[in-house]
Amino acid sequence: MKTLTKALFDSVVVEMENSLDSKGNHLDMVGLIVSQGETIFSHYFREREKIDIRSIA
């Protein structure tokens, strides 16, 4: 397993900000939270709000 670094997390955020869906629209994401062991990285693409949480293991 690759260790998640701040630089790697930031590169994923940039990729998600620039990604388009199948209709050519930007992804409508509120935020991204990733944890690995005791380390947690988070980024909000827009102002915080109540959200539907999805988990990818």
C-alpha atoms as a PDB file:
ATOM      1  CA  MET A   1       0.000   0.000   0.000  1.00  0.00           C
ATOM      2  CA  LYS A   2       1.299   3.455  -0.937  1.00  0.00           C
ATOM      3  CA  THR A   3       1.604   5.932   1.966  1.00  0.00           C
ATOM      4  CA  LEU A   4      -0.580   8.982   1.503  1.00  0.00           C
ATOM      5  CA  THR A   5       1.343  12.235   1.680  1.00  0.00           C
ATOM      6  CA  LYS A   6       0.039  15.809   1.635  1.00  0.00           C
ATOM      7  CA  ALA A   7       1.515  16.247  -1.849  1.00  0.00           C
ATOM      8  CA  LEU A   8      -0.240  13.121  -3.154  1.00  0.00           C
ATOM      9  CA  PHE A   9      -3.539  14.153  -1.547  1.00  0.00           C
ATOM     10  CA  ASP A  10      -3.234  17.650  -3.053  1.00  0.00           C
ATOM     11  CA  SER A  11      -2.613  16.142  -6.496  1.00  0.00           C
ATOM     12  CA  VAL A  12      -5.777  14.037  -6.142  1.00  0.00           C
ATOM     13  CA  VAL A  13      -7.740  17.177  -5.180  1.00  0.00           C
ATOM     14  CA  VAL A  14      -6.482  18.985  -8.296  1.00  0.00           C
ATOM     15  CA  GLU A  15      -7.421  16.007 -10.474  1.00  0.00           C
ATOM     16  CA  MET A  16     -10.927  15.919  -8.987  1.00  0.00           C
ATOM     17  CA  GLU A  17     -11.349  19.679  -9.436  1.00  0.00           C
ATOM     18  CA  ASN A  18     -10.459  19.297 -13.124  1.00  0.00           C
ATOM     19  CA  SER A  19     -12.373  16.061 -13.798  1.00  0.00           C
ATOM     20  CA  LEU A  20     -15.518  16.056 -15.901  1.00  0.00           C
ATOM     21  CA  ASP A  21     -18.447  13.661 -15.824  1.00  0.00           C
ATOM     22  CA  SER A  22     -19.804  11.874 -18.904  1.00  0.00           C
ATOM     23  CA  LYS A  23     -21.811  14.997 -19.860  1.00  0.00           C
ATOM     24  CA  GLY A  24     -18.763  17.263 -19.682  1.00  0.00           C
ATOM     25  CA  ASN A  25     -19.724  18.910 -16.376  1.00  0.00           C
ATOM     26  CA  HIS A  26     -17.391  19.365 -13.434  1.00  0.00           C
ATOM     27  CA  LEU A  27     -17.991  16.917 -10.589  1.00  0.00           C
ATOM     28  CA  ASP A  28     -20.466  18.242  -8.021  1.00  0.00           C
ATOM     29  CA  MET A  29     -18.495  17.348  -4.900  1.00  0.00           C
ATOM     30  CA  VAL A  30     -18.708  19.125  -1.558  1.00  0.00           C
ATOM     31  CA  GLY A  31     -15.587  17.678   0.028  1.00  0.00           C
ATOM     32  CA  LEU A  32     -13.072  14.887   0.204  1.00  0.00           C
ATOM     33  CA  ILE A  33     -11.856  13.246   3.420  1.00  0.00           C
ATOM     34  CA  VAL A  34      -9.229  10.497   3.350  1.00  0.00           C
ATOM     35  CA  SER A  35      -7.770   8.659   6.321  1.00  0.00           C
ATOM     36  CA  GLN A  36      -4.872   6.258   6.532  1.00  0.00           C
ATOM     37  CA  GLY A  37      -4.152   5.020  10.015  1.00  0.00           C
ATOM     38  CA  GLU A  38      -3.898   8.063  12.276  1.00  0.00           C
ATOM     39  CA  THR A  39      -3.438  10.484   9.348  1.00  0.00           C
ATOM     40  CA  ILE A  40      -6.461  12.396   8.030  1.00  0.00           C
ATOM     41  CA  PHE A  41      -6.543  14.724   5.032  1.00  0.00           C
ATOM     42  CA  SER A  42      -9.581  16.811   4.119  1.00  0.00           C
ATOM     43  CA  HIS A  43     -10.475  19.335   1.448  1.00  0.00           C
ATOM     44  CA  TYR A  44     -13.735  21.202   0.869  1.00  0.00           C
ATOM     45  CA  PHE A  45     -14.510  22.161  -2.717  1.00  0.00           C
ATOM     46  CA  ARG A  46     -17.134  24.635  -1.536  1.00  0.00           C
ATOM     47  CA  GLU A  47     -18.579  25.948   1.703  1.00  0.00           C
ATOM     48  CA  ARG A  48     -19.328  23.253   4.256  1.00  0.00           C
ATOM     49  CA  GLU A  49     -22.902  22.005   4.383  1.00  0.00           C
ATOM     50  CA  LYS A  50     -24.775  18.911   5.458  1.00  0.00           C
ATOM     51  CA  ILE A  51     -23.806  16.187   3.021  1.00  0.00           C
ATOM     52  CA  ASP A  52     -24.530  12.604   2.009  1.00  0.00           C
ATOM     53  CA  ILE A  53     -21.378  10.711   3.034  1.00  0.00           C
ATOM     54  CA  ARG A  54     -20.014   8.032   0.711  1.00  0.00           C
ATOM     55  CA  SER A  55     -17.221   5.690   1.738  1.00  0.00           C
ATOM     56  CA  ILE A  56     -14.774   3.895  -0.527  1.00  0.00           C
ATOM     57  CA  ALA A  57     -12.734   1.211   1.185  1.00  0.00           C
END
